[in-house]
Amino acid sequence: MTEDTSPATELHLMPVRPMASTLEISRPAADRLISGDPEHSTWNLTEDRGLYCGIWESTPGAWRVKYDEWEYCRILSGVSRITDAQGNVTQVTAGDSFTLPAGFEGIWEVVETTRKDYVILLRD
């Protein structure tokens, strides 16, 4: 058996505590809004060279989306419907995980206040 002499790599864990980070409040742009008056709450936990992660929450409403970035999401609570450009509707609820590719266009409709955690990769 050979002894491992490679240098140890430090592991830095960051607890996911949204309330400990700065809250950002936003709404969809007026030209993208379809229905309701959704308010988005975002807690960005990490930003590093085009990689972002955090918690996002929205109250009910619907708006058009266009993704320049790749995103992984996991729904923590609530109900949303995502409609792609071809009209295919996917309902997501607590426990669902999915990715949205860069270039995705469609409609995000929050049926019941929805909270998700996310990882976004934005490439130049």
N, C-alpha and C. Protein backbone atom coordinates (compact mmCIF):
# COMPACT_ATOMS: atom_id res chain seq x y z
N MET A 1 0.84 -1.16 0.00
CA MET A 1 0.00 0.00 0.00
C MET A 1 0.90 1.23 0.00
N THR A 2 0.54 2.20 -0.82
CA THR A 2 1.32 3.43 -0.94
C THR A 2 0.68 4.52 -0.10
N GLU A 3 1.53 5.26 0.59
CA GLU A 3 1.03 6.35 1.42
C GLU A 3 0.71 7.55 0.54
N ASP A 4 -0.42 8.18 0.77
CA ASP A 4 -0.83 9.37 0.02
C ASP A 4 -0.07 10.58 0.56
N THR A 5 0.77 11.15 -0.29
CA THR A 5 1.56 12.31 0.13
C THR A 5 1.14 13.58 -0.59
N SER A 6 0.01 13.53 -1.30
CA SER A 6 -0.45 14.73 -2.00
C SER A 6 -0.90 15.78 -0.98
N PRO A 7 -0.78 17.06 -1.35
CA PRO A 7 -1.17 18.11 -0.40
C PRO A 7 -2.68 18.06 -0.13
N ALA A 8 -3.01 18.31 1.09
CA ALA A 8 -4.42 18.31 1.48
C ALA A 8 -5.11 19.53 0.89
N THR A 9 -6.34 19.36 0.45
CA THR A 9 -7.13 20.47 -0.06
C THR A 9 -8.10 20.89 1.03
N GLU A 10 -8.11 22.18 1.34
CA GLU A 10 -9.04 22.67 2.35
C GLU A 10 -10.44 22.72 1.78
N LEU A 11 -11.37 22.29 2.56
CA LEU A 11 -12.78 22.32 2.17
C LEU A 11 -13.45 23.46 2.91
N HIS A 12 -14.05 24.37 2.17
CA HIS A 12 -14.74 25.51 2.77
C HIS A 12 -16.23 25.33 2.54
N LEU A 13 -16.94 25.08 3.61
CA LEU A 13 -18.39 24.92 3.52
C LEU A 13 -19.07 26.22 3.89
N MET A 14 -20.09 26.58 3.11
CA MET A 14 -20.87 27.77 3.41
C MET A 14 -22.30 27.33 3.67
N PRO A 15 -22.77 27.48 4.90
CA PRO A 15 -24.15 27.11 5.19
C PRO A 15 -25.11 27.94 4.34
N VAL A 16 -26.19 27.32 3.90
CA VAL A 16 -27.21 28.02 3.13
C VAL A 16 -28.21 28.63 4.11
N ARG A 17 -28.00 29.91 4.38
CA ARG A 17 -28.86 30.66 5.30
C ARG A 17 -29.30 31.94 4.60
N PRO A 18 -30.40 31.86 3.85
CA PRO A 18 -30.79 33.03 3.06
C PRO A 18 -30.99 34.29 3.89
N MET A 19 -31.50 34.17 5.07
CA MET A 19 -31.78 35.35 5.87
C MET A 19 -30.50 36.06 6.32
N ALA A 20 -29.36 35.38 6.20
CA ALA A 20 -28.08 35.99 6.58
C ALA A 20 -27.48 36.78 5.43
N SER A 21 -28.04 36.64 4.22
CA SER A 21 -27.52 37.39 3.07
C SER A 21 -28.46 38.55 2.74
N THR A 22 -28.02 39.41 1.86
CA THR A 22 -28.81 40.59 1.50
C THR A 22 -30.01 40.20 0.63
N LEU A 23 -31.16 40.68 1.01
CA LEU A 23 -32.39 40.43 0.26
C LEU A 23 -32.52 41.45 -0.86
N GLU A 24 -32.78 40.96 -2.07
CA GLU A 24 -33.05 41.82 -3.22
C GLU A 24 -34.51 41.60 -3.62
N ILE A 25 -35.26 42.70 -3.76
CA ILE A 25 -36.66 42.63 -4.19
C ILE A 25 -36.75 43.15 -5.61
N SER A 26 -37.47 42.44 -6.47
CA SER A 26 -37.65 42.88 -7.85
C SER A 26 -39.01 42.44 -8.36
N ARG A 27 -39.35 42.92 -9.52
CA ARG A 27 -40.58 42.54 -10.22
C ARG A 27 -40.23 42.35 -11.69
N PRO A 28 -41.03 41.59 -12.42
CA PRO A 28 -40.78 41.47 -13.87
C PRO A 28 -40.93 42.83 -14.54
N ALA A 29 -40.17 43.04 -15.60
CA ALA A 29 -40.30 44.27 -16.38
C ALA A 29 -41.72 44.34 -16.93
N ALA A 30 -42.26 45.55 -17.03
CA ALA A 30 -43.65 45.75 -17.47
C ALA A 30 -43.93 45.12 -18.83
N ASP A 31 -42.95 45.16 -19.74
CA ASP A 31 -43.17 44.59 -21.07
C ASP A 31 -43.14 43.06 -21.07
N ARG A 32 -42.76 42.44 -19.96
CA ARG A 32 -42.75 40.97 -19.86
C ARG A 32 -43.90 40.43 -19.02
N LEU A 33 -44.54 41.31 -18.25
CA LEU A 33 -45.62 40.90 -17.35
C LEU A 33 -46.85 40.47 -18.14
N ILE A 34 -47.41 39.31 -17.76
CA ILE A 34 -48.62 38.79 -18.39
C ILE A 34 -49.81 38.93 -17.45
N SER A 35 -49.61 38.56 -16.17
CA SER A 35 -50.73 38.65 -15.21
C SER A 35 -50.20 38.79 -13.80
N GLY A 36 -51.05 39.34 -12.92
CA GLY A 36 -50.71 39.47 -11.53
C GLY A 36 -49.72 40.60 -11.28
N ASP A 37 -49.20 40.61 -10.06
CA ASP A 37 -48.20 41.59 -9.64
C ASP A 37 -47.13 40.85 -8.84
N PRO A 38 -46.42 39.92 -9.51
CA PRO A 38 -45.46 39.09 -8.76
C PRO A 38 -44.31 39.91 -8.20
N GLU A 39 -43.95 39.58 -6.96
CA GLU A 39 -42.78 40.17 -6.32
C GLU A 39 -41.76 39.07 -6.11
N HIS A 40 -40.54 39.31 -6.58
CA HIS A 40 -39.45 38.34 -6.46
C HIS A 40 -38.54 38.73 -5.30
N SER A 41 -38.24 37.77 -4.46
CA SER A 41 -37.26 37.94 -3.38
C SER A 41 -36.08 37.04 -3.71
N THR A 42 -34.89 37.62 -3.73
CA THR A 42 -33.69 36.84 -4.07
C THR A 42 -32.63 37.04 -2.99
N TRP A 43 -32.07 35.93 -2.54
CA TRP A 43 -30.94 35.94 -1.62
C TRP A 43 -29.77 35.30 -2.37
N ASN A 44 -28.86 36.11 -2.92
CA ASN A 44 -27.68 35.59 -3.61
C ASN A 44 -26.66 35.20 -2.55
N LEU A 45 -26.32 33.94 -2.51
CA LEU A 45 -25.41 33.43 -1.50
C LEU A 45 -23.98 33.37 -1.99
N THR A 46 -23.79 33.15 -3.30
CA THR A 46 -22.45 33.05 -3.86
C THR A 46 -22.44 33.68 -5.25
N GLU A 47 -21.42 34.48 -5.51
CA GLU A 47 -21.14 35.00 -6.85
C GLU A 47 -19.65 34.82 -7.06
N ASP A 48 -19.30 34.04 -8.09
CA ASP A 48 -17.88 33.77 -8.33
C ASP A 48 -17.65 33.50 -9.81
N ARG A 49 -17.12 34.48 -10.52
CA ARG A 49 -16.73 34.34 -11.93
C ARG A 49 -17.83 33.74 -12.80
N GLY A 50 -19.03 34.29 -12.71
CA GLY A 50 -20.13 33.83 -13.54
C GLY A 50 -20.94 32.68 -12.95
N LEU A 51 -20.59 32.24 -11.76
CA LEU A 51 -21.34 31.19 -11.07
C LEU A 51 -22.07 31.83 -9.89
N TYR A 52 -23.36 31.61 -9.83
CA TYR A 52 -24.20 32.20 -8.79
C TYR A 52 -25.05 31.10 -8.16
N CYS A 53 -25.31 31.24 -6.87
CA CYS A 53 -26.27 30.33 -6.24
C CYS A 53 -26.99 31.08 -5.13
N GLY A 54 -28.19 30.62 -4.84
CA GLY A 54 -28.96 31.27 -3.81
C GLY A 54 -30.38 30.73 -3.73
N ILE A 55 -31.22 31.54 -3.13
CA ILE A 55 -32.63 31.21 -2.95
C ILE A 55 -33.45 32.31 -3.63
N TRP A 56 -34.51 31.91 -4.32
CA TRP A 56 -35.40 32.84 -5.01
C TRP A 56 -36.82 32.47 -4.63
N GLU A 57 -37.65 33.49 -4.46
CA GLU A 57 -39.05 33.27 -4.14
C GLU A 57 -39.89 34.28 -4.91
N SER A 58 -41.06 33.85 -5.37
CA SER A 58 -41.96 34.76 -6.07
C SER A 58 -43.39 34.53 -5.62
N THR A 59 -44.12 35.64 -5.54
CA THR A 59 -45.57 35.59 -5.29
C THR A 59 -46.26 35.33 -6.64
N PRO A 60 -47.55 34.97 -6.63
CA PRO A 60 -48.24 34.59 -7.87
C PRO A 60 -48.25 35.67 -8.95
N GLY A 61 -48.22 35.18 -10.18
CA GLY A 61 -48.26 36.00 -11.38
C GLY A 61 -47.60 35.25 -12.52
N ALA A 62 -47.60 35.84 -13.71
CA ALA A 62 -46.99 35.21 -14.88
C ALA A 62 -46.24 36.27 -15.68
N TRP A 63 -45.10 35.87 -16.26
CA TRP A 63 -44.28 36.77 -17.06
C TRP A 63 -43.47 35.97 -18.07
N ARG A 64 -43.10 36.66 -19.15
CA ARG A 64 -42.25 36.05 -20.18
C ARG A 64 -40.80 36.02 -19.69
N VAL A 65 -40.11 34.92 -19.96
CA VAL A 65 -38.71 34.77 -19.57
C VAL A 65 -37.85 34.50 -20.80
N LYS A 66 -36.61 34.93 -20.72
CA LYS A 66 -35.61 34.63 -21.74
C LYS A 66 -34.29 34.46 -20.99
N TYR A 67 -33.75 33.25 -21.03
CA TYR A 67 -32.55 32.93 -20.27
C TYR A 67 -31.29 33.08 -21.12
N ASP A 68 -30.38 33.95 -20.67
CA ASP A 68 -29.05 34.04 -21.27
C ASP A 68 -28.11 33.08 -20.57
N GLU A 69 -28.51 32.60 -19.42
CA GLU A 69 -27.68 31.75 -18.57
C GLU A 69 -28.28 30.34 -18.48
N TRP A 70 -27.44 29.40 -18.05
CA TRP A 70 -27.88 28.04 -17.72
C TRP A 70 -28.25 28.07 -16.25
N GLU A 71 -29.36 27.40 -15.89
CA GLU A 71 -29.78 27.39 -14.49
C GLU A 71 -30.26 26.02 -14.05
N TYR A 72 -29.81 25.61 -12.89
CA TYR A 72 -30.33 24.44 -12.19
C TYR A 72 -31.23 24.96 -11.07
N CYS A 73 -32.41 24.37 -10.91
CA CYS A 73 -33.35 24.77 -9.86
C CYS A 73 -33.86 23.55 -9.12
N ARG A 74 -34.17 23.77 -7.85
CA ARG A 74 -34.90 22.77 -7.06
C ARG A 74 -36.00 23.53 -6.35
N ILE A 75 -37.23 23.12 -6.58
CA ILE A 75 -38.37 23.78 -5.96
C ILE A 75 -38.46 23.33 -4.50
N LEU A 76 -38.46 24.31 -3.61
CA LEU A 76 -38.54 24.03 -2.17
C LEU A 76 -39.97 24.07 -1.66
N SER A 77 -40.79 24.95 -2.25
CA SER A 77 -42.20 25.03 -1.87
C SER A 77 -42.96 25.76 -2.96
N GLY A 78 -44.27 25.54 -2.98
CA GLY A 78 -45.12 26.22 -3.94
C GLY A 78 -45.38 25.45 -5.21
N VAL A 79 -46.07 26.12 -6.13
CA VAL A 79 -46.44 25.52 -7.42
C VAL A 79 -46.21 26.57 -8.51
N SER A 80 -45.50 26.18 -9.56
CA SER A 80 -45.30 27.03 -10.73
C SER A 80 -45.53 26.21 -11.98
N ARG A 81 -45.83 26.91 -13.07
CA ARG A 81 -45.92 26.29 -14.39
C ARG A 81 -44.95 27.01 -15.31
N ILE A 82 -44.17 26.22 -16.04
CA ILE A 82 -43.22 26.76 -17.00
C ILE A 82 -43.66 26.31 -18.38
N THR A 83 -43.88 27.27 -19.26
CA THR A 83 -44.33 26.98 -20.63
C THR A 83 -43.21 27.35 -21.58
N ASP A 84 -42.82 26.39 -22.44
CA ASP A 84 -41.75 26.69 -23.40
C ASP A 84 -42.33 27.38 -24.64
N ALA A 85 -41.46 27.76 -25.57
CA ALA A 85 -41.87 28.50 -26.76
C ALA A 85 -42.82 27.70 -27.66
N GLN A 86 -42.83 26.38 -27.54
CA GLN A 86 -43.73 25.53 -28.33
C GLN A 86 -45.07 25.31 -27.64
N GLY A 87 -45.24 25.87 -26.44
CA GLY A 87 -46.51 25.73 -25.72
C GLY A 87 -46.58 24.55 -24.78
N ASN A 88 -45.48 23.81 -24.61
CA ASN A 88 -45.45 22.68 -23.68
C ASN A 88 -45.39 23.21 -22.25
N VAL A 89 -46.31 22.74 -21.41
CA VAL A 89 -46.40 23.21 -20.02
C VAL A 89 -45.87 22.15 -19.08
N THR A 90 -45.00 22.57 -18.16
CA THR A 90 -44.49 21.68 -17.12
C THR A 90 -44.82 22.31 -15.78
N GLN A 91 -45.54 21.58 -14.94
CA GLN A 91 -45.84 22.05 -13.59
C GLN A 91 -44.76 21.55 -12.66
N VAL A 92 -44.24 22.44 -11.81
CA VAL A 92 -43.21 22.06 -10.86
C VAL A 92 -43.70 22.36 -9.45
N THR A 93 -43.39 21.43 -8.55
CA THR A 93 -43.81 21.55 -7.15
C THR A 93 -42.64 21.16 -6.25
N ALA A 94 -42.84 21.29 -4.96
CA ALA A 94 -41.78 20.99 -3.99
C ALA A 94 -41.13 19.64 -4.27
N GLY A 95 -39.80 19.65 -4.33
CA GLY A 95 -39.03 18.43 -4.57
C GLY A 95 -38.59 18.27 -6.01
N ASP A 96 -39.21 19.00 -6.94
CA ASP A 96 -38.82 18.89 -8.35
C ASP A 96 -37.50 19.62 -8.60
N SER A 97 -36.63 18.99 -9.38
CA SER A 97 -35.36 19.59 -9.80
C SER A 97 -35.32 19.57 -11.32
N PHE A 98 -34.73 20.61 -11.91
CA PHE A 98 -34.66 20.69 -13.37
C PHE A 98 -33.62 21.71 -13.76
N THR A 99 -33.28 21.71 -15.05
CA THR A 99 -32.38 22.72 -15.60
C THR A 99 -33.10 23.50 -16.69
N LEU A 100 -32.71 24.75 -16.84
CA LEU A 100 -33.17 25.60 -17.94
C LEU A 100 -31.94 25.98 -18.73
N PRO A 101 -31.89 25.64 -20.02
CA PRO A 101 -30.69 25.93 -20.81
C PRO A 101 -30.61 27.40 -21.20
N ALA A 102 -29.40 27.87 -21.42
CA ALA A 102 -29.22 29.21 -21.98
C ALA A 102 -29.97 29.24 -23.31
N GLY A 103 -30.71 30.32 -23.53
CA GLY A 103 -31.51 30.44 -24.74
C GLY A 103 -32.97 30.07 -24.56
N PHE A 104 -33.32 29.48 -23.38
CA PHE A 104 -34.71 29.12 -23.13
C PHE A 104 -35.59 30.37 -23.14
N GLU A 105 -36.72 30.28 -23.83
CA GLU A 105 -37.72 31.35 -23.83
C GLU A 105 -39.07 30.74 -23.55
N GLY A 106 -39.87 31.44 -22.77
CA GLY A 106 -41.19 30.93 -22.46
C GLY A 106 -41.89 31.80 -21.43
N ILE A 107 -42.73 31.15 -20.65
CA ILE A 107 -43.52 31.83 -19.62
C ILE A 107 -43.31 31.12 -18.29
N TRP A 108 -43.05 31.89 -17.25
CA TRP A 108 -43.01 31.36 -15.89
C TRP A 108 -44.26 31.88 -15.19
N GLU A 109 -45.10 30.96 -14.73
CA GLU A 109 -46.31 31.33 -14.01
C GLU A 109 -46.23 30.76 -12.60
N VAL A 110 -46.29 31.61 -11.61
CA VAL A 110 -46.33 31.17 -10.22
C VAL A 110 -47.80 31.06 -9.83
N VAL A 111 -48.23 29.84 -9.54
CA VAL A 111 -49.62 29.57 -9.17
C VAL A 111 -49.79 29.77 -7.66
N GLU A 112 -48.87 29.21 -6.89
CA GLU A 112 -48.79 29.40 -5.44
C GLU A 112 -47.38 29.89 -5.15
N THR A 113 -47.24 30.85 -4.25
CA THR A 113 -45.91 31.39 -3.94
C THR A 113 -44.88 30.27 -3.98
N THR A 114 -43.85 30.48 -4.78
CA THR A 114 -42.85 29.44 -5.05
C THR A 114 -41.48 29.89 -4.55
N ARG A 115 -40.79 28.98 -3.89
CA ARG A 115 -39.41 29.20 -3.45
C ARG A 115 -38.56 28.10 -4.06
N LYS A 116 -37.40 28.51 -4.58
CA LYS A 116 -36.47 27.55 -5.17
C LYS A 116 -35.06 27.89 -4.74
N ASP A 117 -34.19 26.87 -4.74
CA ASP A 117 -32.78 27.18 -4.69
C ASP A 117 -32.26 27.04 -6.11
N TYR A 118 -31.19 27.73 -6.42
CA TYR A 118 -30.71 27.76 -7.79
C TYR A 118 -29.19 27.82 -7.85
N VAL A 119 -28.69 27.35 -8.99
CA VAL A 119 -27.30 27.54 -9.37
C VAL A 119 -27.35 28.03 -10.81
N ILE A 120 -26.71 29.18 -11.05
CA ILE A 120 -26.70 29.79 -12.38
C ILE A 120 -25.26 29.84 -12.87
N LEU A 121 -25.08 29.48 -14.14
CA LEU A 121 -23.79 29.63 -14.80
C LEU A 121 -23.98 30.59 -15.95
N LEU A 122 -23.32 31.73 -15.86
CA LEU A 122 -23.39 32.76 -16.90
C LEU A 122 -22.04 32.81 -17.59
N ARG A 123 -22.04 32.45 -18.87
CA ARG A 123 -20.78 32.44 -19.63
C ARG A 123 -20.71 33.69 -20.50
N ASP A 124 -19.50 34.18 -20.69
CA ASP A 124 -19.30 35.34 -21.56
C ASP A 124 -19.45 34.97 -23.01
